[in-house]
N, C-alpha and C. Protein backbone atom coordinates (compact mmCIF):
# COMPACT_ATOMS: atom_id res chain seq x y z
N UNK A 1 -48.02 -23.87 0.39
CA UNK A 1 -48.40 -24.08 -1.24
C UNK A 1 -46.62 -24.22 -1.26
N UNK A 2 -46.53 -25.24 -2.56
CA UNK A 2 -45.34 -25.72 -2.70
C UNK A 2 -44.92 -24.98 -3.56
N UNK A 3 -43.74 -24.71 -3.96
CA UNK A 3 -43.16 -23.92 -5.04
C UNK A 3 -43.13 -25.26 -6.55
N UNK A 4 -43.13 -24.27 -7.60
CA UNK A 4 -43.00 -25.32 -8.57
C UNK A 4 -41.78 -24.49 -9.30
N UNK A 5 -41.21 -25.99 -9.61
CA UNK A 5 -39.68 -25.59 -10.24
C UNK A 5 -40.08 -26.08 -11.93
N UNK A 6 -39.59 -25.27 -12.62
CA UNK A 6 -39.52 -25.83 -14.33
C UNK A 6 -38.35 -26.38 -14.78
N UNK A 7 -38.69 -27.19 -15.60
CA UNK A 7 -37.68 -28.30 -16.54
C UNK A 7 -37.77 -27.86 -17.96
N UNK A 8 -36.62 -27.76 -18.65
CA UNK A 8 -36.93 -27.68 -20.54
C UNK A 8 -36.73 -29.01 -20.36
N UNK A 9 -37.69 -29.66 -21.04
CA UNK A 9 -38.07 -30.98 -21.68
C UNK A 9 -37.56 -31.19 -23.47
N UNK A 10 -38.12 -30.32 -24.14
CA UNK A 10 -38.44 -30.60 -25.56
C UNK A 10 -38.71 -29.17 -25.80
N UNK A 11 -38.39 -29.15 -27.38
CA UNK A 11 -38.79 -27.73 -28.16
C UNK A 11 -40.26 -28.10 -28.81
N UNK A 12 -41.07 -27.14 -29.41
CA UNK A 12 -42.43 -27.71 -29.96
C UNK A 12 -41.94 -28.35 -31.15
N UNK A 13 -40.64 -28.29 -31.61
CA UNK A 13 -40.39 -29.25 -32.72
C UNK A 13 -40.24 -30.52 -32.81
N UNK A 14 -40.04 -30.84 -31.38
CA UNK A 14 -39.69 -32.23 -31.19
C UNK A 14 -40.76 -33.14 -30.74
N UNK A 15 -42.00 -32.54 -30.76
CA UNK A 15 -43.41 -33.27 -30.43
C UNK A 15 -44.12 -33.31 -31.43
N UNK A 16 -44.81 -33.91 -32.20
CA UNK A 16 -45.52 -33.32 -33.32
C UNK A 16 -46.84 -33.42 -32.78
N UNK A 17 -48.20 -33.08 -33.27
CA UNK A 17 -49.20 -33.19 -32.74
C UNK A 17 -49.79 -34.63 -32.80
N UNK A 18 -50.25 -34.97 -31.59
CA UNK A 18 -50.80 -36.43 -31.56
C UNK A 18 -49.94 -37.56 -31.16
N UNK A 19 -48.72 -36.97 -30.76
CA UNK A 19 -47.33 -37.52 -30.08
C UNK A 19 -47.35 -37.62 -28.92
N UNK A 20 -46.53 -38.41 -28.07
CA UNK A 20 -46.18 -38.44 -26.59
C UNK A 20 -44.64 -38.64 -26.62
N UNK A 21 -44.18 -37.57 -26.04
CA UNK A 21 -42.75 -37.89 -25.90
C UNK A 21 -42.28 -37.89 -24.12
N UNK A 22 -41.56 -39.11 -23.63
CA UNK A 22 -41.19 -39.35 -22.70
C UNK A 22 -40.16 -38.43 -21.95
N UNK A 23 -40.06 -38.05 -21.17
CA UNK A 23 -38.93 -37.21 -20.33
C UNK A 23 -38.81 -37.60 -18.87
N UNK A 24 -37.46 -38.14 -18.47
CA UNK A 24 -36.81 -38.11 -17.04
C UNK A 24 -36.73 -36.69 -16.23
N UNK A 25 -37.33 -36.35 -15.65
CA UNK A 25 -37.14 -35.03 -14.42
C UNK A 25 -36.96 -35.33 -12.82
N UNK A 26 -35.60 -35.15 -12.84
CA UNK A 26 -35.65 -35.56 -11.47
C UNK A 26 -35.80 -36.93 -10.72
N UNK A 27 -35.85 -37.75 -11.67
CA UNK A 27 -35.99 -39.73 -11.39
C UNK A 27 -37.49 -39.58 -11.37
N UNK A 28 -38.46 -38.55 -12.24
CA UNK A 28 -39.73 -38.87 -12.43
C UNK A 28 -40.15 -38.91 -14.08
N UNK A 29 -40.88 -39.53 -14.45
CA UNK A 29 -40.94 -39.98 -15.58
C UNK A 29 -42.57 -39.41 -15.97
N UNK A 30 -42.27 -38.42 -17.27
CA UNK A 30 -43.53 -37.69 -17.46
C UNK A 30 -43.48 -38.00 -18.77
N UNK A 31 -44.98 -38.21 -19.15
CA UNK A 31 -45.00 -37.85 -20.66
C UNK A 31 -45.86 -36.64 -21.08
N UNK A 32 -45.15 -36.17 -22.09
CA UNK A 32 -45.69 -34.47 -22.75
C UNK A 32 -46.45 -35.04 -23.69
N UNK A 33 -47.57 -34.52 -23.84
CA UNK A 33 -48.24 -34.94 -25.05
C UNK A 33 -48.83 -33.77 -25.56
N UNK A 34 -48.91 -33.61 -27.07
CA UNK A 34 -49.32 -32.49 -28.24
C UNK A 34 -50.75 -32.90 -28.62
N UNK A 35 -51.71 -31.94 -28.09
CA UNK A 35 -53.15 -31.84 -28.39
C UNK A 35 -53.30 -30.99 -29.12
N UNK A 36 -53.37 -30.73 -30.60
CA UNK A 36 -53.39 -29.92 -31.09
C UNK A 36 -52.63 -28.87 -31.16
N UNK A 37 -51.32 -28.89 -30.61
CA UNK A 37 -50.74 -27.73 -30.76
C UNK A 37 -50.71 -27.07 -29.00
N UNK A 38 -51.04 -28.11 -28.14
CA UNK A 38 -51.31 -27.82 -26.52
C UNK A 38 -50.62 -28.73 -26.10
N UNK A 39 -49.99 -28.26 -25.10
CA UNK A 39 -48.81 -29.57 -24.57
C UNK A 39 -49.22 -29.41 -23.05
N UNK A 40 -49.58 -31.15 -22.87
CA UNK A 40 -50.12 -31.51 -21.42
C UNK A 40 -48.88 -32.53 -21.21
N UNK A 41 -48.81 -32.29 -19.95
CA UNK A 41 -48.05 -33.20 -19.24
C UNK A 41 -48.55 -33.71 -17.97
N UNK A 42 -48.15 -35.74 -18.02
CA UNK A 42 -49.20 -36.53 -17.48
C UNK A 42 -48.05 -37.53 -16.64
N UNK A 43 -48.20 -38.00 -15.40
CA UNK A 43 -47.25 -39.34 -15.32
C UNK A 43 -47.10 -40.33 -15.93
N UNK A 44 -45.66 -40.78 -16.38
CA UNK A 44 -45.89 -42.00 -17.36
C UNK A 44 -45.96 -43.41 -17.09
N UNK A 45 -46.92 -43.41 -16.11
CA UNK A 45 -47.26 -44.49 -15.34
C UNK A 45 -48.67 -44.74 -15.25
N UNK A 46 -49.34 -45.79 -15.90
CA UNK A 46 -50.69 -46.17 -15.92
C UNK A 46 -51.15 -46.48 -14.52
N UNK A 47 -52.07 -45.70 -13.91
CA UNK A 47 -52.54 -46.37 -12.70
C UNK A 47 -53.03 -47.58 -12.60
N UNK A 48 -53.13 -48.25 -13.65
CA UNK A 48 -53.67 -49.57 -13.43
C UNK A 48 -52.44 -51.06 -13.29
N UNK A 49 -51.35 -50.61 -14.31
CA UNK A 49 -50.18 -51.66 -13.89
C UNK A 49 -49.19 -50.66 -14.15
N UNK A 50 -48.80 -49.89 -14.22
CA UNK A 50 -47.51 -49.12 -14.46
C UNK A 50 -46.80 -49.36 -15.53
N UNK A 51 -47.68 -49.48 -16.63
CA UNK A 51 -47.34 -49.27 -17.85
C UNK A 51 -46.97 -47.49 -18.43
N UNK A 52 -45.60 -47.52 -19.27
CA UNK A 52 -45.63 -46.63 -19.99
C UNK A 52 -46.16 -46.10 -20.86
N UNK A 53 -46.82 -44.69 -21.45
CA UNK A 53 -47.14 -44.45 -22.29
C UNK A 53 -46.05 -44.17 -23.47
N UNK A 54 -45.21 -44.18 -23.39
CA UNK A 54 -43.98 -43.59 -24.57
C UNK A 54 -44.33 -44.78 -25.73
N UNK A 55 -44.98 -45.95 -25.98
CA UNK A 55 -45.15 -46.62 -27.05
C UNK A 55 -46.65 -46.21 -27.54
N UNK A 56 -47.25 -45.07 -27.11
CA UNK A 56 -48.85 -45.08 -27.73
C UNK A 56 -48.40 -43.64 -28.29
N UNK A 57 -49.41 -43.50 -29.03
CA UNK A 57 -50.07 -41.99 -29.52
C UNK A 57 -51.28 -41.81 -28.76
N UNK A 58 -51.56 -40.75 -29.17
CA UNK A 58 -53.09 -40.07 -28.72
C UNK A 58 -54.10 -39.99 -29.69
N UNK A 59 -55.35 -39.99 -29.23
CA UNK A 59 -56.14 -39.99 -30.17
C UNK A 59 -57.02 -38.52 -29.30
N UNK A 60 -57.07 -37.14 -30.17
CA UNK A 60 -57.41 -36.17 -29.05
C UNK A 60 -57.06 -35.86 -28.00
N UNK A 61 -57.54 -35.85 -26.84
CA UNK A 61 -56.80 -35.70 -25.57
C UNK A 61 -56.99 -36.70 -24.69
N UNK A 62 -57.20 -38.13 -25.56
CA UNK A 62 -57.02 -39.37 -24.99
C UNK A 62 -55.74 -40.40 -25.12
N UNK A 63 -55.04 -40.62 -24.19
CA UNK A 63 -53.87 -41.49 -23.66
C UNK A 63 -54.42 -43.10 -23.41
N UNK A 64 -53.93 -43.94 -24.27
CA UNK A 64 -54.16 -45.35 -24.13
C UNK A 64 -52.91 -46.23 -22.76
N UNK A 65 -53.58 -47.03 -22.58
CA UNK A 65 -51.90 -47.51 -22.03
C UNK A 65 -52.05 -49.11 -22.90
N UNK A 66 -50.60 -49.15 -23.57
CA UNK A 66 -50.40 -50.13 -24.58
C UNK A 66 -51.14 -51.55 -23.98
N UNK A 67 -50.88 -51.82 -22.49
CA UNK A 67 -51.13 -53.21 -22.23
C UNK A 67 -52.54 -53.43 -22.05
N UNK A 68 -52.96 -52.74 -21.55
CA UNK A 68 -55.08 -53.45 -21.11
C UNK A 68 -55.68 -52.15 -21.65
N UNK A 69 -55.40 -51.48 -22.48
CA UNK A 69 -56.50 -50.67 -22.74
C UNK A 69 -57.08 -49.48 -22.10
N UNK A 70 -56.45 -48.81 -20.70
CA UNK A 70 -57.57 -48.42 -20.18
C UNK A 70 -56.94 -46.55 -20.96
N UNK A 71 -57.82 -45.84 -20.54
CA UNK A 71 -58.17 -44.39 -21.22
C UNK A 71 -57.96 -43.35 -20.09
N UNK A 72 -57.32 -42.43 -20.44
CA UNK A 72 -56.53 -41.35 -19.64
C UNK A 72 -57.07 -40.09 -20.75
N UNK A 73 -57.79 -38.88 -19.68
CA UNK A 73 -57.68 -37.61 -20.72
C UNK A 73 -56.65 -37.02 -19.78
N UNK A 74 -55.60 -36.22 -21.11
CA UNK A 74 -54.47 -35.86 -20.43
C UNK A 74 -54.75 -34.59 -20.01
N UNK A 75 -55.88 -33.74 -20.38
CA UNK A 75 -55.89 -32.55 -20.00
C UNK A 75 -55.86 -32.57 -18.57
N UNK A 76 -56.56 -33.90 -17.84
CA UNK A 76 -56.80 -33.54 -16.44
C UNK A 76 -56.73 -34.90 -15.80
N UNK A 77 -56.36 -36.02 -16.34
CA UNK A 77 -55.63 -37.07 -15.81
C UNK A 77 -56.71 -38.29 -15.34
N UNK A 78 -58.02 -37.81 -15.78
CA UNK A 78 -59.31 -38.75 -15.66
C UNK A 78 -59.30 -39.99 -16.37
N UNK A 79 -59.75 -40.89 -15.35
CA UNK A 79 -59.67 -42.56 -16.10
C UNK A 79 -61.30 -41.85 -17.20
N UNK A 80 -61.20 -42.45 -18.07
CA UNK A 80 -62.24 -42.38 -19.17
C UNK A 80 -62.64 -43.74 -19.68
N UNK A 81 -61.76 -44.52 -19.32
CA UNK A 81 -62.04 -46.02 -19.64
C UNK A 81 -61.33 -47.16 -18.71
N UNK A 82 -61.82 -48.10 -18.05
CA UNK A 82 -61.21 -49.12 -17.37
C UNK A 82 -60.52 -50.13 -18.29
N UNK A 83 -59.61 -50.68 -17.89
CA UNK A 83 -59.58 -51.27 -16.16
C UNK A 83 -59.08 -50.33 -14.90
N UNK A 84 -58.73 -49.11 -15.47
CA UNK A 84 -58.00 -48.16 -14.53
C UNK A 84 -58.85 -47.74 -13.98
N UNK A 85 -59.10 -47.50 -12.60
CA UNK A 85 -59.99 -46.72 -11.68
C UNK A 85 -59.33 -45.58 -11.15
N UNK A 86 -58.15 -45.38 -10.97
CA UNK A 86 -57.39 -44.10 -10.25
C UNK A 86 -56.55 -43.29 -11.63
N UNK A 87 -57.35 -42.02 -11.01
CA UNK A 87 -56.69 -41.03 -12.24
C UNK A 87 -55.18 -40.97 -12.33
N UNK A 88 -54.48 -40.37 -13.53
CA UNK A 88 -53.11 -40.04 -13.36
C UNK A 88 -52.61 -38.62 -13.09
N UNK A 89 -51.04 -38.46 -12.45
CA UNK A 89 -50.89 -37.46 -12.27
C UNK A 89 -50.59 -36.42 -13.29
N UNK A 90 -50.96 -35.42 -13.04
CA UNK A 90 -50.68 -34.10 -14.41
C UNK A 90 -49.68 -33.17 -13.84
N UNK A 91 -48.92 -32.59 -14.46
CA UNK A 91 -48.26 -31.55 -14.41
C UNK A 91 -48.24 -30.27 -15.12
N UNK A 92 -47.99 -29.33 -14.59
CA UNK A 92 -48.13 -27.85 -15.27
C UNK A 92 -47.24 -27.68 -16.37
N UNK A 93 -47.43 -27.07 -17.51
CA UNK A 93 -46.44 -27.17 -18.68
C UNK A 93 -46.42 -25.74 -18.91
N UNK A 94 -45.27 -24.81 -19.64
CA UNK A 94 -45.53 -23.88 -20.04
C UNK A 94 -44.50 -23.43 -21.18
N UNK A 95 -44.72 -22.71 -22.12
CA UNK A 95 -43.63 -22.69 -23.18
C UNK A 95 -42.95 -21.24 -23.15
N UNK A 96 -41.69 -21.23 -23.01
CA UNK A 96 -40.57 -20.15 -22.90
C UNK A 96 -39.95 -20.26 -24.59
N UNK A 97 -40.63 -19.54 -25.02
CA UNK A 97 -40.23 -19.25 -26.73
C UNK A 97 -40.97 -20.94 -26.92
N UNK A 98 -39.74 -21.19 -27.99
CA UNK A 98 -40.07 -22.54 -28.41
C UNK A 98 -39.77 -23.94 -27.40
N UNK A 99 -38.88 -23.78 -26.21
CA UNK A 99 -39.06 -24.62 -25.12
C UNK A 99 -40.19 -25.00 -24.36
N UNK A 100 -40.59 -26.19 -24.32
CA UNK A 100 -41.62 -26.85 -23.69
C UNK A 100 -40.85 -27.14 -22.12
N UNK A 101 -41.06 -26.50 -21.10
CA UNK A 101 -41.07 -26.50 -19.67
C UNK A 101 -41.99 -27.41 -19.11
N UNK A 102 -41.84 -28.39 -17.88
CA UNK A 102 -42.79 -28.88 -16.95
C UNK A 102 -42.37 -28.79 -15.90
N UNK A 103 -43.43 -28.38 -15.11
CA UNK A 103 -43.56 -28.17 -13.77
C UNK A 103 -43.24 -29.08 -12.65
N UNK A 104 -42.54 -28.99 -11.36
CA UNK A 104 -42.44 -30.13 -10.53
C UNK A 104 -42.40 -29.59 -9.18
N UNK A 105 -43.76 -29.72 -8.37
CA UNK A 105 -43.39 -29.16 -6.89
C UNK A 105 -42.09 -29.40 -6.39
N UNK A 106 -41.74 -28.60 -5.99
CA UNK A 106 -40.22 -29.08 -4.75
C UNK A 106 -40.54 -28.77 -3.23
């Protein structure tokens, strides 16, 4: 099992409920999502066409691809609506005080 290294990406105040914050961690673009005060991290690339989620908002735990409307569940990366057919990667998130940290396997 690989080790997980955590990186600070934002503070709780930086990402309001329903917002998406895109961070670059070691060359990996990650969308950090605030779902009613709970934070989730997914790859910032739609599995259908590679579009960024940075210009979209959340509806509950659902994130929409801004280009073709594919919908994903940010809690587990699952596809909820086509045209995407493959899930997106998820990453562990932890809070260190008010700081949001996202984990990457090393």
